[in-house]
């Protein structure tokens, strides 16, 4: 759990180990509800026959005070660097795949 979007509420990321499964990123709202946003955040995919068992960690990769998400699979790393509540989330992997997605609701 980490507050990736800077709204003051801890959000939840869960990895799914099944080959065709999708990872889950839940944005917490102030009323004790969550919205699943892994697809729009660019962290849902990545499971496959060569990358079946993921693990993840939140840490401040770029030293900007925001938690960043590192997802590691056998032979493939996919990291997400947050840019704050109203900015963008930047995703990159060791396979040179880069994309930018909004962290706004």
N, C-alpha and C. Protein backbone atom coordinates (compact mmCIF):
# COMPACT_ATOMS: atom_id res chain seq x y z
N UNK A 1 0.83 -1.17 0.00
CA UNK A 1 0.00 0.00 0.00
C UNK A 1 0.88 1.24 0.00
N UNK A 2 0.44 2.23 -0.75
CA UNK A 2 1.11 3.52 -0.80
C UNK A 2 0.14 4.54 -1.39
N UNK A 3 0.34 5.79 -1.07
CA UNK A 3 -0.50 6.86 -1.60
C UNK A 3 0.13 7.36 -2.90
N UNK A 4 -0.05 6.63 -4.00
CA UNK A 4 0.64 6.97 -5.24
C UNK A 4 0.15 8.25 -5.88
N UNK A 5 -1.10 8.65 -5.61
CA UNK A 5 -1.64 9.84 -6.26
C UNK A 5 -1.65 11.07 -5.36
N UNK A 6 -1.12 10.95 -4.15
CA UNK A 6 -0.95 12.09 -3.28
C UNK A 6 -2.23 12.68 -2.72
N UNK A 7 -3.31 11.89 -2.63
CA UNK A 7 -4.57 12.42 -2.13
C UNK A 7 -4.77 12.20 -0.64
N UNK A 8 -3.77 11.60 0.04
CA UNK A 8 -3.86 11.37 1.47
C UNK A 8 -4.43 10.03 1.86
N UNK A 9 -4.78 9.18 0.88
CA UNK A 9 -5.35 7.86 1.16
C UNK A 9 -4.45 6.79 0.55
N UNK A 10 -4.15 5.74 1.33
CA UNK A 10 -3.32 4.66 0.83
C UNK A 10 -4.04 3.87 -0.25
N UNK A 11 -3.36 3.69 -1.38
CA UNK A 11 -3.87 2.91 -2.51
C UNK A 11 -3.25 1.52 -2.44
N UNK A 12 -3.84 0.56 -3.14
CA UNK A 12 -3.41 -0.84 -3.04
C UNK A 12 -3.07 -1.38 -4.42
N UNK A 13 -1.90 -2.02 -4.54
CA UNK A 13 -1.52 -2.73 -5.76
C UNK A 13 -1.36 -4.20 -5.41
N UNK A 14 -1.98 -5.08 -6.20
CA UNK A 14 -1.87 -6.52 -5.98
C UNK A 14 -1.46 -7.20 -7.28
N UNK A 15 -0.46 -8.06 -7.19
CA UNK A 15 -0.05 -8.82 -8.35
C UNK A 15 -0.89 -10.09 -8.44
N UNK A 16 -1.10 -10.55 -9.67
CA UNK A 16 -1.85 -11.77 -9.94
C UNK A 16 -0.91 -12.72 -10.67
N UNK A 17 -0.75 -13.93 -10.15
CA UNK A 17 0.24 -14.85 -10.68
C UNK A 17 -0.22 -15.69 -11.86
N UNK A 18 -1.51 -15.77 -12.11
CA UNK A 18 -1.96 -16.63 -13.21
C UNK A 18 -1.50 -16.07 -14.55
N UNK A 19 -1.25 -16.96 -15.49
CA UNK A 19 -0.69 -16.57 -16.79
C UNK A 19 -1.56 -15.55 -17.52
N UNK A 20 -2.85 -15.66 -17.43
CA UNK A 20 -3.74 -14.72 -18.12
C UNK A 20 -4.38 -13.70 -17.17
N UNK A 21 -3.90 -13.66 -15.92
CA UNK A 21 -4.46 -12.75 -14.93
C UNK A 21 -4.01 -11.31 -15.12
N UNK A 22 -4.76 -10.41 -14.58
CA UNK A 22 -4.46 -8.99 -14.62
C UNK A 22 -4.14 -8.51 -13.21
N UNK A 23 -3.07 -7.73 -13.07
CA UNK A 23 -2.75 -7.13 -11.79
C UNK A 23 -3.81 -6.10 -11.44
N UNK A 24 -3.89 -5.74 -10.17
CA UNK A 24 -4.93 -4.84 -9.69
C UNK A 24 -4.32 -3.64 -8.98
N UNK A 25 -4.77 -2.45 -9.32
CA UNK A 25 -4.37 -1.22 -8.63
C UNK A 25 -5.66 -0.53 -8.20
N UNK A 26 -5.84 -0.43 -6.90
CA UNK A 26 -7.05 0.16 -6.35
C UNK A 26 -6.74 1.55 -5.80
N UNK A 27 -7.43 2.57 -6.32
CA UNK A 27 -7.33 3.93 -5.79
C UNK A 27 -8.38 4.07 -4.69
N UNK A 28 -7.91 4.46 -3.50
CA UNK A 28 -8.82 4.61 -2.37
C UNK A 28 -9.42 6.02 -2.37
N UNK A 29 -10.70 6.08 -2.07
CA UNK A 29 -11.42 7.35 -1.94
C UNK A 29 -11.64 7.63 -0.46
N UNK A 30 -11.99 8.83 -0.12
CA UNK A 30 -12.17 9.21 1.28
C UNK A 30 -13.38 8.61 1.96
N UNK A 31 -14.22 7.91 1.23
CA UNK A 31 -15.43 7.32 1.81
C UNK A 31 -15.32 5.81 1.98
N UNK A 32 -14.09 5.30 2.07
CA UNK A 32 -13.82 3.87 2.27
C UNK A 32 -14.22 3.01 1.08
N UNK A 33 -14.22 3.60 -0.11
CA UNK A 33 -14.44 2.83 -1.34
C UNK A 33 -13.19 2.91 -2.19
N UNK A 34 -13.08 1.99 -3.14
CA UNK A 34 -11.93 1.92 -4.03
C UNK A 34 -12.41 1.85 -5.48
N UNK A 35 -11.56 2.30 -6.41
CA UNK A 35 -11.78 2.14 -7.83
C UNK A 35 -10.58 1.41 -8.41
N UNK A 36 -10.81 0.35 -9.18
CA UNK A 36 -9.72 -0.42 -9.78
C UNK A 36 -9.27 0.30 -11.05
N UNK A 37 -7.96 0.65 -11.13
CA UNK A 37 -7.46 1.47 -12.23
C UNK A 37 -6.17 0.92 -12.85
N UNK A 38 -5.86 -0.34 -12.65
CA UNK A 38 -4.60 -0.90 -13.17
C UNK A 38 -4.47 -0.76 -14.68
N UNK A 39 -5.56 -0.97 -15.41
CA UNK A 39 -5.52 -0.85 -16.87
C UNK A 39 -5.14 0.54 -17.32
N UNK A 40 -5.80 1.55 -16.79
CA UNK A 40 -5.49 2.92 -17.19
C UNK A 40 -4.15 3.39 -16.63
N UNK A 41 -3.68 2.75 -15.57
CA UNK A 41 -2.38 3.09 -15.00
C UNK A 41 -1.22 2.38 -15.67
N UNK A 42 -1.53 1.43 -16.56
CA UNK A 42 -0.48 0.73 -17.30
C UNK A 42 0.22 -0.37 -16.54
N UNK A 43 -0.38 -0.87 -15.44
CA UNK A 43 0.28 -1.90 -14.65
C UNK A 43 -0.55 -3.19 -14.55
N UNK A 44 -1.59 -3.34 -15.37
CA UNK A 44 -2.44 -4.53 -15.31
C UNK A 44 -1.80 -5.73 -16.00
N UNK A 45 -1.15 -5.50 -17.14
CA UNK A 45 -0.63 -6.59 -17.95
C UNK A 45 0.79 -6.99 -17.55
N UNK A 46 1.26 -8.03 -18.20
CA UNK A 46 2.63 -8.48 -17.97
C UNK A 46 2.74 -9.94 -17.63
N UNK A 47 1.62 -10.58 -17.30
CA UNK A 47 1.67 -12.00 -16.99
C UNK A 47 1.71 -12.80 -18.29
N UNK A 48 2.54 -13.80 -18.31
CA UNK A 48 2.66 -14.65 -19.48
C UNK A 48 3.42 -15.91 -19.14
N UNK A 49 3.64 -16.78 -20.11
CA UNK A 49 4.29 -18.06 -19.83
C UNK A 49 5.73 -17.90 -19.33
N UNK A 50 6.40 -16.82 -19.69
CA UNK A 50 7.79 -16.61 -19.23
C UNK A 50 7.87 -15.71 -18.00
N UNK A 51 6.76 -15.13 -17.59
CA UNK A 51 6.76 -14.21 -16.44
C UNK A 51 5.60 -14.51 -15.50
N UNK A 52 5.53 -15.74 -14.97
CA UNK A 52 4.34 -16.14 -14.23
C UNK A 52 4.24 -15.66 -12.79
N UNK A 53 5.32 -15.29 -12.17
CA UNK A 53 5.25 -15.02 -10.74
C UNK A 53 5.83 -13.64 -10.41
N UNK A 54 4.98 -12.64 -10.29
CA UNK A 54 5.47 -11.29 -10.04
C UNK A 54 5.66 -10.98 -8.55
N UNK A 55 6.43 -9.98 -8.29
CA UNK A 55 6.51 -9.38 -6.96
C UNK A 55 6.59 -7.88 -7.16
N UNK A 56 6.32 -7.13 -6.10
CA UNK A 56 6.30 -5.68 -6.26
C UNK A 56 6.77 -4.99 -4.97
N UNK A 57 7.15 -3.73 -5.15
CA UNK A 57 7.59 -2.92 -4.02
C UNK A 57 7.32 -1.46 -4.32
N UNK A 58 6.90 -0.71 -3.31
CA UNK A 58 6.77 0.75 -3.42
C UNK A 58 8.01 1.36 -2.80
N UNK A 59 8.64 2.30 -3.47
CA UNK A 59 9.77 3.04 -2.91
C UNK A 59 9.93 4.33 -3.72
N UNK A 60 10.73 5.24 -3.21
CA UNK A 60 10.91 6.54 -3.88
C UNK A 60 12.12 6.47 -4.81
N UNK A 61 11.91 5.94 -6.00
CA UNK A 61 12.97 5.72 -6.99
C UNK A 61 13.70 7.00 -7.39
N UNK A 62 12.95 8.05 -7.63
CA UNK A 62 13.55 9.28 -8.17
C UNK A 62 13.73 10.37 -7.11
N UNK A 63 13.57 10.02 -5.84
CA UNK A 63 13.86 10.93 -4.73
C UNK A 63 13.01 12.21 -4.78
N UNK A 64 11.76 12.11 -5.24
CA UNK A 64 10.91 13.29 -5.31
C UNK A 64 9.85 13.33 -4.21
N UNK A 65 9.89 12.36 -3.29
CA UNK A 65 8.95 12.32 -2.19
C UNK A 65 7.67 11.55 -2.48
N UNK A 66 7.47 11.10 -3.73
CA UNK A 66 6.30 10.32 -4.11
C UNK A 66 6.67 8.85 -4.18
N UNK A 67 5.78 7.93 -3.75
CA UNK A 67 6.09 6.51 -3.86
C UNK A 67 6.03 6.05 -5.33
N UNK A 68 7.01 5.26 -5.73
CA UNK A 68 7.08 4.69 -7.07
C UNK A 68 6.91 3.19 -6.94
N UNK A 69 6.33 2.58 -7.96
CA UNK A 69 6.02 1.15 -7.94
C UNK A 69 7.00 0.38 -8.82
N UNK A 70 7.62 -0.64 -8.27
CA UNK A 70 8.49 -1.53 -9.03
C UNK A 70 7.84 -2.90 -9.04
N UNK A 71 7.58 -3.43 -10.25
CA UNK A 71 7.03 -4.77 -10.41
C UNK A 71 8.09 -5.60 -11.11
N UNK A 72 8.47 -6.71 -10.50
CA UNK A 72 9.52 -7.56 -11.04
C UNK A 72 8.93 -8.93 -11.36
N UNK A 73 9.22 -9.40 -12.55
CA UNK A 73 8.84 -10.74 -12.98
C UNK A 73 10.12 -11.43 -13.45
N UNK A 74 10.12 -12.72 -13.54
CA UNK A 74 11.29 -13.42 -14.01
C UNK A 74 11.70 -12.87 -15.36
N UNK A 75 12.86 -12.23 -15.44
CA UNK A 75 13.39 -11.74 -16.70
C UNK A 75 12.82 -10.44 -17.20
N UNK A 76 11.91 -9.81 -16.45
CA UNK A 76 11.31 -8.57 -16.93
C UNK A 76 10.97 -7.66 -15.76
N UNK A 77 11.36 -6.42 -15.84
CA UNK A 77 11.05 -5.44 -14.81
C UNK A 77 10.16 -4.36 -15.40
N UNK A 78 9.11 -4.01 -14.69
CA UNK A 78 8.22 -2.94 -15.12
C UNK A 78 8.08 -1.97 -13.96
N UNK A 79 8.53 -0.75 -14.13
CA UNK A 79 8.45 0.22 -13.04
C UNK A 79 7.49 1.34 -13.40
N UNK A 80 6.89 1.91 -12.38
CA UNK A 80 6.00 3.05 -12.57
C UNK A 80 6.48 4.17 -11.66
N UNK A 81 6.74 5.32 -12.25
CA UNK A 81 7.19 6.47 -11.47
C UNK A 81 6.05 7.47 -11.39
N UNK A 82 5.63 7.78 -10.17
CA UNK A 82 4.53 8.73 -10.01
C UNK A 82 5.06 10.15 -10.11
N UNK A 83 4.19 11.05 -10.50
CA UNK A 83 4.56 12.45 -10.65
C UNK A 83 3.68 13.36 -9.81
N UNK A 84 2.94 12.84 -8.86
CA UNK A 84 2.13 13.67 -7.99
C UNK A 84 0.65 13.60 -8.33
N UNK A 85 -0.15 14.22 -7.48
CA UNK A 85 -1.61 14.12 -7.56
C UNK A 85 -2.18 14.56 -8.90
N UNK A 86 -1.75 15.69 -9.42
CA UNK A 86 -2.35 16.24 -10.64
C UNK A 86 -1.49 16.06 -11.88
N UNK A 87 -0.36 15.38 -11.75
CA UNK A 87 0.52 15.20 -12.89
C UNK A 87 0.31 13.84 -13.53
N UNK A 88 1.34 13.32 -14.16
CA UNK A 88 1.27 12.06 -14.89
C UNK A 88 1.97 10.95 -14.12
N UNK A 89 1.63 9.72 -14.50
CA UNK A 89 2.34 8.53 -14.04
C UNK A 89 3.15 8.06 -15.23
N UNK A 90 4.42 7.81 -15.04
CA UNK A 90 5.28 7.37 -16.12
C UNK A 90 5.63 5.91 -15.91
N UNK A 91 5.41 5.08 -16.91
CA UNK A 91 5.73 3.66 -16.82
C UNK A 91 6.83 3.33 -17.81
N UNK A 92 7.75 2.49 -17.39
CA UNK A 92 8.82 2.05 -18.27
C UNK A 92 9.20 0.63 -17.89
N UNK A 93 9.72 -0.12 -18.81
CA UNK A 93 10.19 -1.46 -18.48
C UNK A 93 11.57 -1.67 -19.08
N UNK A 94 12.21 -2.72 -18.65
CA UNK A 94 13.54 -3.02 -19.16
C UNK A 94 13.50 -3.46 -20.62
N UNK A 95 12.31 -3.66 -21.15
CA UNK A 95 12.18 -4.03 -22.56
C UNK A 95 11.93 -2.79 -23.42
N UNK A 96 12.30 -1.62 -22.91
CA UNK A 96 12.23 -0.34 -23.60
C UNK A 96 10.81 0.09 -23.93
N UNK A 97 9.85 -0.39 -23.21
CA UNK A 97 8.46 0.03 -23.41
C UNK A 97 8.20 1.22 -22.50
N UNK A 98 7.76 2.33 -23.05
CA UNK A 98 7.47 3.53 -22.26
C UNK A 98 6.08 4.03 -22.61
N UNK A 99 5.40 4.55 -21.59
CA UNK A 99 4.09 5.14 -21.82
C UNK A 99 3.82 6.14 -20.70
N UNK A 100 2.91 7.06 -20.95
CA UNK A 100 2.49 8.03 -19.94
C UNK A 100 0.99 7.94 -19.80
N UNK A 101 0.54 7.86 -18.56
CA UNK A 101 -0.89 7.79 -18.32
C UNK A 101 -1.24 8.75 -17.20
N UNK A 102 -2.46 9.18 -17.15
CA UNK A 102 -2.91 10.13 -16.13
C UNK A 102 -3.18 9.41 -14.83
N UNK A 103 -2.84 10.05 -13.71
CA UNK A 103 -3.16 9.49 -12.40
C UNK A 103 -4.43 10.10 -11.85
N UNK A 104 -5.08 10.97 -12.60
CA UNK A 104 -6.31 11.62 -12.15
C UNK A 104 -7.49 10.68 -12.29
N UNK A 105 -8.56 10.91 -11.51
CA UNK A 105 -9.73 10.05 -11.59
C UNK A 105 -10.52 10.31 -12.84
